C-alpha cells in the first residue's frame, strides 16, 4: 500500500460509491470536464486510482453515475407532484428541474446529456414521464414517441447550454458576442432581414429558447390527444 492510500493515522480512507460520486461532481464542476480522470479523482480522495476502479470499471461508468446523480436530484425536487396534477404542469416542472440541474452541473451535463445512464435516478424519471403521458390515452407507439420527443428536447437544449458554459472563457466570449460582432454589422444590402432583427437576435437568451421549446413540445403533445 502506497502513502497515497493511507491517512494520517495509517488506515486507508473509507471509500464508497456515494463519496466518489460527490467528489467527482465537485472536481468536474470546479476544474472542468477535462479534469475528471481517475488519477485526479484518486488524488482528491487521498487514495490510489486503483481504489476508485474497485467501485467503477472505467471512467465512462463513473460519468454515467454522475449523470444519474443529477437526474436523481431533479427527480427529488418533484416530490410534491400529485397523482392528479395536470400533465402539462408535470412536464413543465420536470423541464424546470432539469434546467436547474444543468445550470448547477454544466460540466457533468456536457458529458452525459446524450447518454442513457440506466441508473435508479433515470429509471425514476422515466417512470414519472411515461406514467404522465400514458394517462393521455394514446397508443403505446404514440406515447413512446412523445416521451422521446419531450426528453430529447429537454436534454439536448440543456446539454447544448451546459456544453457552451464549459468552453474556455475566450471561446465562450467569441460565441456569445457573435450576434453583435458579426451579424449586427452586416450590410443592409444582401442581409436586410438580419439587420432588421439584429437587436432582437442579440437579446435572445438560452433560457428563453428552452422555455419556448418546452411549451412548443407540450402544445404538440396536446394536439395528439
C-alpha atoms as a PDB file:
ATOM      1  CA  UNK A   1       0.000   0.000   0.000  1.00  0.00           C
ATOM      2  CA  UNK A   2       1.376   3.400  -1.003  1.00  0.00           C
ATOM      3  CA  UNK A   3       1.436   6.542   1.092  1.00  0.00           C
ATOM      4  CA  UNK A   4      -1.343   7.951  -1.068  1.00  0.00           C
ATOM      5  CA  UNK A   5      -3.691   5.248   0.148  1.00  0.00           C
ATOM      6  CA  UNK A   6      -3.146   5.978   3.821  1.00  0.00           C
ATOM      7  CA  UNK A   7      -4.486   8.675   6.071  1.00  0.00           C
ATOM      8  CA  UNK A   8      -2.528  10.294   8.882  1.00  0.00           C
ATOM      9  CA  UNK A   9      -3.477   7.528  11.279  1.00  0.00           C
ATOM     10  CA  UNK A  10      -2.145   4.878   8.906  1.00  0.00           C
ATOM     11  CA  UNK A  11      -5.503   3.415   7.856  1.00  0.00           C
ATOM     12  CA  UNK A  12      -6.879   3.515   4.325  1.00  0.00           C
ATOM     13  CA  UNK A  13      -9.648   6.135   3.894  1.00  0.00           C
ATOM     14  CA  UNK A  14     -13.082   4.596   3.609  1.00  0.00           C
ATOM     15  CA  UNK A  15     -14.430   4.785   0.087  1.00  0.00           C
ATOM     16  CA  UNK A  16     -17.983   4.385  -1.125  1.00  0.00           C
ATOM     17  CA  UNK A  17     -19.769   4.945  -4.400  1.00  0.00           C
ATOM     18  CA  UNK A  18     -21.557   7.954  -2.905  1.00  0.00           C
ATOM     19  CA  UNK A  19     -18.325   9.544  -1.704  1.00  0.00           C
ATOM     20  CA  UNK A  20     -16.615   9.027  -5.054  1.00  0.00           C
ATOM     21  CA  UNK A  21     -19.556  10.465  -6.988  1.00  0.00           C
ATOM     22  CA  UNK A  22     -19.791  13.577  -4.795  1.00  0.00           C
ATOM     23  CA  UNK A  23     -16.058  14.282  -5.072  1.00  0.00           C
ATOM     24  CA  UNK A  24     -16.170  13.655  -8.816  1.00  0.00           C
ATOM     25  CA  UNK A  25     -19.062  16.103  -9.210  1.00  0.00           C
ATOM     26  CA  UNK A  26     -17.122  18.753  -7.338  1.00  0.00           C
ATOM     27  CA  UNK A  27     -13.929  18.080  -9.311  1.00  0.00           C
ATOM     28  CA  UNK A  28     -15.659  18.289 -12.695  1.00  0.00           C
ATOM     29  CA  UNK A  29     -17.526  21.488 -11.861  1.00  0.00           C
ATOM     30  CA  UNK A  30     -14.553  23.205 -10.241  1.00  0.00           C
ATOM     31  CA  UNK A  31     -11.912  22.332 -12.842  1.00  0.00           C
ATOM     32  CA  UNK A  32     -13.897  21.381 -15.944  1.00  0.00           C
ATOM     33  CA  UNK A  33     -14.835  18.061 -17.573  1.00  0.00           C
ATOM     34  CA  UNK A  34     -11.292  17.534 -18.823  1.00  0.00           C
ATOM     35  CA  UNK A  35     -10.038  17.358 -15.222  1.00  0.00           C
ATOM     36  CA  UNK A  36     -12.202  14.329 -14.482  1.00  0.00           C
ATOM     37  CA  UNK A  37      -9.689  11.484 -14.548  1.00  0.00           C
ATOM     38  CA  UNK A  38      -9.364   8.519 -12.233  1.00  0.00           C
ATOM     39  CA  UNK A  39      -5.885   9.674 -11.220  1.00  0.00           C
ATOM     40  CA  UNK A  40      -7.027  13.197 -10.334  1.00  0.00           C
ATOM     41  CA  UNK A  41     -10.048  11.851  -8.521  1.00  0.00           C
ATOM     42  CA  UNK A  42      -7.945   9.377  -6.541  1.00  0.00           C
ATOM     43  CA  UNK A  43      -5.578  12.157  -5.541  1.00  0.00           C
ATOM     44  CA  UNK A  44      -8.512  14.271  -4.396  1.00  0.00           C
ATOM     45  CA  UNK A  45      -9.825  11.372  -2.321  1.00  0.00           C
ATOM     46  CA  UNK A  46      -6.391  10.614  -0.884  1.00  0.00           C
ATOM     47  CA  UNK A  47      -6.217   7.153  -2.448  1.00  0.00           C
ATOM     48  CA  UNK A  48      -4.530   5.473  -5.375  1.00  0.00           C
ATOM     49  CA  UNK A  49      -6.558   5.443  -8.596  1.00  0.00           C
ATOM     50  CA  UNK A  50      -6.860   1.674  -8.328  1.00  0.00           C
ATOM     51  CA  UNK A  51      -9.103   2.162  -5.299  1.00  0.00           C
ATOM     52  CA  UNK A  52     -11.579   4.084  -7.469  1.00  0.00           C
ATOM     53  CA  UNK A  53     -11.516   1.302 -10.063  1.00  0.00           C
ATOM     54  CA  UNK A  54     -12.772  -1.109  -7.411  1.00  0.00           C
ATOM     55  CA  UNK A  55     -16.067   0.802  -7.463  1.00  0.00           C
ATOM     56  CA  UNK A  56     -16.194   1.880 -11.125  1.00  0.00           C
ATOM     57  CA  UNK A  57     -14.993  -0.276 -14.000  1.00  0.00           C
ATOM     58  CA  UNK A  58     -13.841   2.742 -16.029  1.00  0.00           C
ATOM     59  CA  UNK A  59     -14.319   6.471 -16.445  1.00  0.00           C
ATOM     60  CA  UNK A  60     -17.404   6.014 -18.598  1.00  0.00           C
ATOM     61  CA  UNK A  61     -19.162   4.123 -15.825  1.00  0.00           C
ATOM     62  CA  UNK A  62     -18.282   6.976 -13.469  1.00  0.00           C
ATOM     63  CA  UNK A  63     -19.620   9.583 -15.904  1.00  0.00           C
ATOM     64  CA  UNK A  64     -22.924   7.711 -16.140  1.00  0.00           C
ATOM     65  CA  UNK A  65     -23.116   7.599 -12.346  1.00  0.00           C
ATOM     66  CA  UNK A  66     -22.557  11.360 -12.190  1.00  0.00           C
ATOM     67  CA  UNK A  67     -25.269  11.919 -14.760  1.00  0.00           C
ATOM     68  CA  UNK A  68     -27.641   9.666 -12.865  1.00  0.00           C
ATOM     69  CA  UNK A  69     -26.969  11.609  -9.676  1.00  0.00           C
ATOM     70  CA  UNK A  70     -28.061  14.876 -11.318  1.00  0.00           C
ATOM     71  CA  UNK A  71     -31.202  13.183 -12.664  1.00  0.00           C
ATOM     72  CA  UNK A  72     -31.940  11.796  -9.203  1.00  0.00           C
ATOM     73  CA  UNK A  73     -31.668  15.291  -7.758  1.00  0.00           C
ATOM     74  CA  UNK A  74     -34.011  16.647 -10.397  1.00  0.00           C
ATOM     75  CA  UNK A  75     -36.489  13.882  -9.579  1.00  0.00           C
ATOM     76  CA  UNK A  76     -36.168  14.510  -5.837  1.00  0.00           C
ATOM     77  CA  UNK A  77     -37.240  18.125  -6.372  1.00  0.00           C
ATOM     78  CA  UNK A  78     -40.565  16.883  -7.776  1.00  0.00           C
ATOM     79  CA  UNK A  79     -41.797  15.037  -4.688  1.00  0.00           C
ATOM     80  CA  UNK A  80     -44.666  17.497  -4.245  1.00  0.00           C
ATOM     81  CA  UNK A  81     -46.261  16.490  -7.543  1.00  0.00           C
ATOM     82  CA  UNK A  82     -49.588  14.725  -7.090  1.00  0.00           C
ATOM     83  CA  UNK A  83     -51.165  11.844  -8.977  1.00  0.00           C
ATOM     84  CA  UNK A  84     -53.942  14.089 -10.240  1.00  0.00           C
ATOM     85  CA  UNK A  85     -51.823  17.077 -11.279  1.00  0.00           C
ATOM     86  CA  UNK A  86     -52.415  18.254 -14.831  1.00  0.00           C
ATOM     87  CA  UNK A  87     -49.963  16.576 -17.211  1.00  0.00           C
ATOM     88  CA  UNK A  88     -48.842  19.911 -18.619  1.00  0.00           C
ATOM     89  CA  UNK A  89     -47.904  21.094 -15.151  1.00  0.00           C
ATOM     90  CA  UNK A  90     -45.952  17.894 -14.516  1.00  0.00           C
ATOM     91  CA  UNK A  91     -43.965  18.197 -17.752  1.00  0.00           C
ATOM     92  CA  UNK A  92     -43.217  21.856 -17.092  1.00  0.00           C
ATOM     93  CA  UNK A  93     -41.949  21.010 -13.610  1.00  0.00           C
ATOM     94  CA  UNK A  94     -39.757  18.218 -14.999  1.00  0.00           C
ATOM     95  CA  UNK A  95     -38.323  20.582 -17.600  1.00  0.00           C
ATOM     96  CA  UNK A  96     -37.642  23.195 -14.932  1.00  0.00           C
ATOM     97  CA  UNK A  97     -35.940  20.660 -12.665  1.00  0.00           C
ATOM     98  CA  UNK A  98     -33.650  19.550 -15.480  1.00  0.00           C
ATOM     99  CA  UNK A  99     -32.776  23.140 -16.374  1.00  0.00           C
ATOM    100  CA  UNK A 100     -31.831  23.815 -12.754  1.00  0.00           C
ATOM    101  CA  UNK A 101     -29.549  20.782 -12.711  1.00  0.00           C
ATOM    102  CA  UNK A 102     -27.820  21.701 -15.962  1.00  0.00           C
ATOM    103  CA  UNK A 103     -27.152  25.152 -14.547  1.00  0.00           C
ATOM    104  CA  UNK A 104     -25.755  23.656 -11.340  1.00  0.00           C
ATOM    105  CA  UNK A 105     -23.664  20.948 -13.061  1.00  0.00           C
ATOM    106  CA  UNK A 106     -22.801  22.136 -16.586  1.00  0.00           C
ATOM    107  CA  UNK A 107     -19.581  20.084 -16.784  1.00  0.00           C
ATOM    108  CA  UNK A 108     -21.417  16.861 -15.965  1.00  0.00           C
ATOM    109  CA  UNK A 109     -24.336  17.667 -18.291  1.00  0.00           C
ATOM    110  CA  UNK A 110     -21.911  18.330 -21.144  1.00  0.00           C
ATOM    111  CA  UNK A 111     -20.592  14.780 -20.701  1.00  0.00           C
ATOM    112  CA  UNK A 112     -23.832  12.848 -20.276  1.00  0.00           C
ATOM    113  CA  UNK A 113     -26.806  14.643 -21.842  1.00  0.00           C
ATOM    114  CA  UNK A 114     -26.811  12.327 -24.869  1.00  0.00           C
ATOM    115  CA  UNK A 115     -26.289   9.166 -22.812  1.00  0.00           C
ATOM    116  CA  UNK A 116     -28.592   6.636 -21.151  1.00  0.00           C
ATOM    117  CA  UNK A 117     -27.466   6.065 -17.565  1.00  0.00           C
ATOM    118  CA  UNK A 118     -29.764   3.145 -16.732  1.00  0.00           C
ATOM    119  CA  UNK A 119     -29.397   4.090 -13.079  1.00  0.00           C
ATOM    120  CA  UNK A 120     -32.016   4.486 -10.352  1.00  0.00           C
ATOM    121  CA  UNK A 121     -32.330   8.236 -10.848  1.00  0.00           C
ATOM    122  CA  UNK A 122     -33.022   7.891 -14.544  1.00  0.00           C
ATOM    123  CA  UNK A 123     -35.386   4.949 -14.021  1.00  0.00           C
ATOM    124  CA  UNK A 124     -37.477   7.011 -11.603  1.00  0.00           C
ATOM    125  CA  UNK A 125     -37.602   9.947 -14.011  1.00  0.00           C
ATOM    126  CA  UNK A 126     -38.516   7.755 -16.986  1.00  0.00           C
ATOM    127  CA  UNK A 127     -41.340   6.184 -14.981  1.00  0.00           C
ATOM    128  CA  UNK A 128     -42.656   9.604 -13.966  1.00  0.00           C
ATOM    129  CA  UNK A 129     -42.696  10.914 -17.534  1.00  0.00           C
ATOM    130  CA  UNK A 130     -44.062   7.712 -19.058  1.00  0.00           C
ATOM    131  CA  UNK A 131     -46.826   7.400 -16.465  1.00  0.00           C
ATOM    132  CA  UNK A 132     -47.768  11.041 -17.051  1.00  0.00           C
ATOM    133  CA  UNK A 133     -48.031  10.569 -20.805  1.00  0.00           C
ATOM    134  CA  UNK A 134     -49.727   7.165 -20.505  1.00  0.00           C
ATOM    135  CA  UNK A 135     -52.711   8.868 -18.863  1.00  0.00           C
ATOM    136  CA  UNK A 136     -53.463  10.684 -22.107  1.00  0.00           C
ATOM    137  CA  UNK A 137     -54.961   7.506 -23.594  1.00  0.00           C
ATOM    138  CA  UNK A 138     -52.807   7.362 -26.719  1.00  0.00           C
ATOM    139  CA  UNK A 139     -51.379   4.226 -28.288  1.00  0.00           C
ATOM    140  CA  UNK A 140     -48.215   2.737 -26.855  1.00  0.00           C
ATOM    141  CA  UNK A 141     -46.332   3.707 -30.010  1.00  0.00           C
ATOM    142  CA  UNK A 142     -47.520   7.319 -29.871  1.00  0.00           C
ATOM    143  CA  UNK A 143     -46.835   7.542 -26.137  1.00  0.00           C
ATOM    144  CA  UNK A 144     -43.296   6.262 -26.635  1.00  0.00           C
ATOM    145  CA  UNK A 145     -42.686   8.758 -29.441  1.00  0.00           C
ATOM    146  CA  UNK A 146     -43.969  11.662 -27.352  1.00  0.00           C
ATOM    147  CA  UNK A 147     -41.804  10.537 -24.447  1.00  0.00           C
ATOM    148  CA  UNK A 148     -38.707  10.604 -26.664  1.00  0.00           C
ATOM    149  CA  UNK A 149     -39.719  13.938 -28.155  1.00  0.00           C
ATOM    150  CA  UNK A 150     -40.084  15.576 -24.756  1.00  0.00           C
ATOM    151  CA  UNK A 151     -36.963  14.050 -23.201  1.00  0.00           C
ATOM    152  CA  UNK A 152     -34.739  14.650 -26.211  1.00  0.00           C
ATOM    153  CA  UNK A 153     -35.895  18.272 -26.416  1.00  0.00           C
ATOM    154  CA  UNK A 154     -35.143  18.844 -22.736  1.00  0.00           C
ATOM    155  CA  UNK A 155     -31.801  17.045 -22.658  1.00  0.00           C
ATOM    156  CA  UNK A 156     -30.464  18.382 -25.960  1.00  0.00           C
ATOM    157  CA  UNK A 157     -31.115  22.023 -25.074  1.00  0.00           C
ATOM    158  CA  UNK A 158     -29.846  21.553 -21.521  1.00  0.00           C
ATOM    159  CA  UNK A 159     -26.780  19.816 -22.909  1.00  0.00           C
ATOM    160  CA  UNK A 160     -26.089  22.496 -25.505  1.00  0.00           C
ATOM    161  CA  UNK A 161     -26.333  25.222 -22.868  1.00  0.00           C
ATOM    162  CA  UNK A 162     -24.148  23.281 -20.463  1.00  0.00           C
ATOM    163  CA  UNK A 163     -21.519  22.495 -23.101  1.00  0.00           C
ATOM    164  CA  UNK A 164     -21.259  26.164 -24.064  1.00  0.00           C
ATOM    165  CA  UNK A 165     -20.662  27.080 -20.430  1.00  0.00           C
ATOM    166  CA  UNK A 166     -17.715  24.684 -20.219  1.00  0.00           C
ATOM    167  CA  UNK A 167     -15.865  26.348 -23.102  1.00  0.00           C
ATOM    168  CA  UNK A 168     -12.711  28.344 -22.317  1.00  0.00           C
ATOM    169  CA  UNK A 169     -13.705  31.939 -21.428  1.00  0.00           C
ATOM    170  CA  UNK A 170     -12.238  33.474 -24.586  1.00  0.00           C
ATOM    171  CA  UNK A 171     -14.015  30.968 -26.847  1.00  0.00           C
ATOM    172  CA  UNK A 172     -17.295  31.422 -24.980  1.00  0.00           C
ATOM    173  CA  UNK A 173     -16.973  35.185 -25.315  1.00  0.00           C
ATOM    174  CA  UNK A 174     -16.382  34.819 -29.055  1.00  0.00           C
ATOM    175  CA  UNK A 175     -19.566  32.768 -29.419  1.00  0.00           C
ATOM    176  CA  UNK A 176     -21.798  34.877 -27.185  1.00  0.00           C
ATOM    177  CA  UNK A 177     -20.812  38.125 -28.896  1.00  0.00           C
ATOM    178  CA  UNK A 178     -21.077  36.777 -32.458  1.00  0.00           C
ATOM    179  CA  UNK A 179     -24.569  38.216 -32.942  1.00  0.00           C
ATOM    180  CA  UNK A 180     -23.366  41.712 -32.062  1.00  0.00           C
ATOM    181  CA  UNK A 181     -19.860  41.456 -33.564  1.00  0.00           C
ATOM    182  CA  UNK A 182     -20.785  39.777 -36.840  1.00  0.00           C
ATOM    183  CA  UNK A 183     -24.488  39.748 -37.608  1.00  0.00           C
ATOM    184  CA  UNK A 184     -25.461  43.139 -36.224  1.00  0.00           C
ATOM    185  CA  UNK A 185     -22.990  44.899 -38.536  1.00  0.00           C
ATOM    186  CA  UNK A 186     -23.786  43.059 -41.772  1.00  0.00           C
ATOM    187  CA  UNK A 187     -24.756  45.415 -44.611  1.00  0.00           C
ATOM    188  CA  UNK A 188     -28.447  46.039 -45.197  1.00  0.00           C
ATOM    189  CA  UNK A 189     -27.864  45.234 -48.831  1.00  0.00           C
ATOM    190  CA  UNK A 190     -27.784  41.466 -49.007  1.00  0.00           C
ATOM    191  CA  UNK A 191     -28.861  40.900 -45.370  1.00  0.00           C
ATOM    192  CA  UNK A 192     -31.931  43.091 -44.757  1.00  0.00           C
ATOM    193  CA  UNK A 193     -33.763  40.571 -42.546  1.00  0.00           C
ATOM    194  CA  UNK A 194     -30.734  40.004 -40.308  1.00  0.00           C
ATOM    195  CA  UNK A 195     -30.021  43.716 -39.893  1.00  0.00           C
ATOM    196  CA  UNK A 196     -33.688  44.420 -39.294  1.00  0.00           C
ATOM    197  CA  UNK A 197     -33.736  41.940 -36.406  1.00  0.00           C
ATOM    198  CA  UNK A 198     -30.190  42.436 -35.132  1.00  0.00           C
ATOM    199  CA  UNK A 199     -31.082  43.920 -31.740  1.00  0.00           C
ATOM    200  CA  UNK A 200     -33.712  41.248 -31.122  1.00  0.00           C
ATOM    201  CA  UNK A 201     -31.288  38.461 -32.045  1.00  0.00           C
ATOM    202  CA  UNK A 202     -28.716  39.785 -29.587  1.00  0.00           C
ATOM    203  CA  UNK A 203     -31.235  39.821 -26.725  1.00  0.00           C
ATOM    204  CA  UNK A 204     -32.450  36.211 -27.039  1.00  0.00           C
ATOM    205  CA  UNK A 205     -31.258  34.001 -24.153  1.00  0.00           C
ATOM    206  CA  UNK A 206     -30.723  30.281 -23.887  1.00  0.00           C
ATOM    207  CA  UNK A 207     -33.370  30.056 -21.189  1.00  0.00           C
ATOM    208  CA  UNK A 208     -35.941  31.766 -23.422  1.00  0.00           C
ATOM    209  CA  UNK A 209     -35.219  29.265 -26.166  1.00  0.00           C
ATOM    210  CA  UNK A 210     -35.517  26.398 -23.709  1.00  0.00           C
ATOM    211  CA  UNK A 211     -38.852  27.520 -22.286  1.00  0.00           C
ATOM    212  CA  UNK A 212     -40.291  28.215 -25.737  1.00  0.00           C
ATOM    213  CA  UNK A 213     -39.184  24.786 -26.953  1.00  0.00           C
ATOM    214  CA  UNK A 214     -40.740  23.057 -23.942  1.00  0.00           C
ATOM    215  CA  UNK A 215     -44.021  24.907 -24.492  1.00  0.00           C
ATOM    216  CA  UNK A 216     -43.959  24.029 -28.197  1.00  0.00           C
ATOM    217  CA  UNK A 217     -43.431  20.373 -27.335  1.00  0.00           C
ATOM    218  CA  UNK A 218     -46.294  20.434 -24.823  1.00  0.00           C
ATOM    219  CA  UNK A 219     -48.532  22.070 -27.435  1.00  0.00           C
ATOM    220  CA  UNK A 220     -47.629  19.341 -29.937  1.00  0.00           C
ATOM    221  CA  UNK A 221     -48.443  16.640 -27.375  1.00  0.00           C
ATOM    222  CA  UNK A 222     -51.778  18.300 -26.621  1.00  0.00           C
ATOM    223  CA  UNK A 223     -52.601  18.304 -30.322  1.00  0.00           C
ATOM    224  CA  UNK A 224     -52.202  14.498 -30.392  1.00  0.00           C
ATOM    225  CA  UNK A 225     -54.786  13.918 -27.670  1.00  0.00           C
END
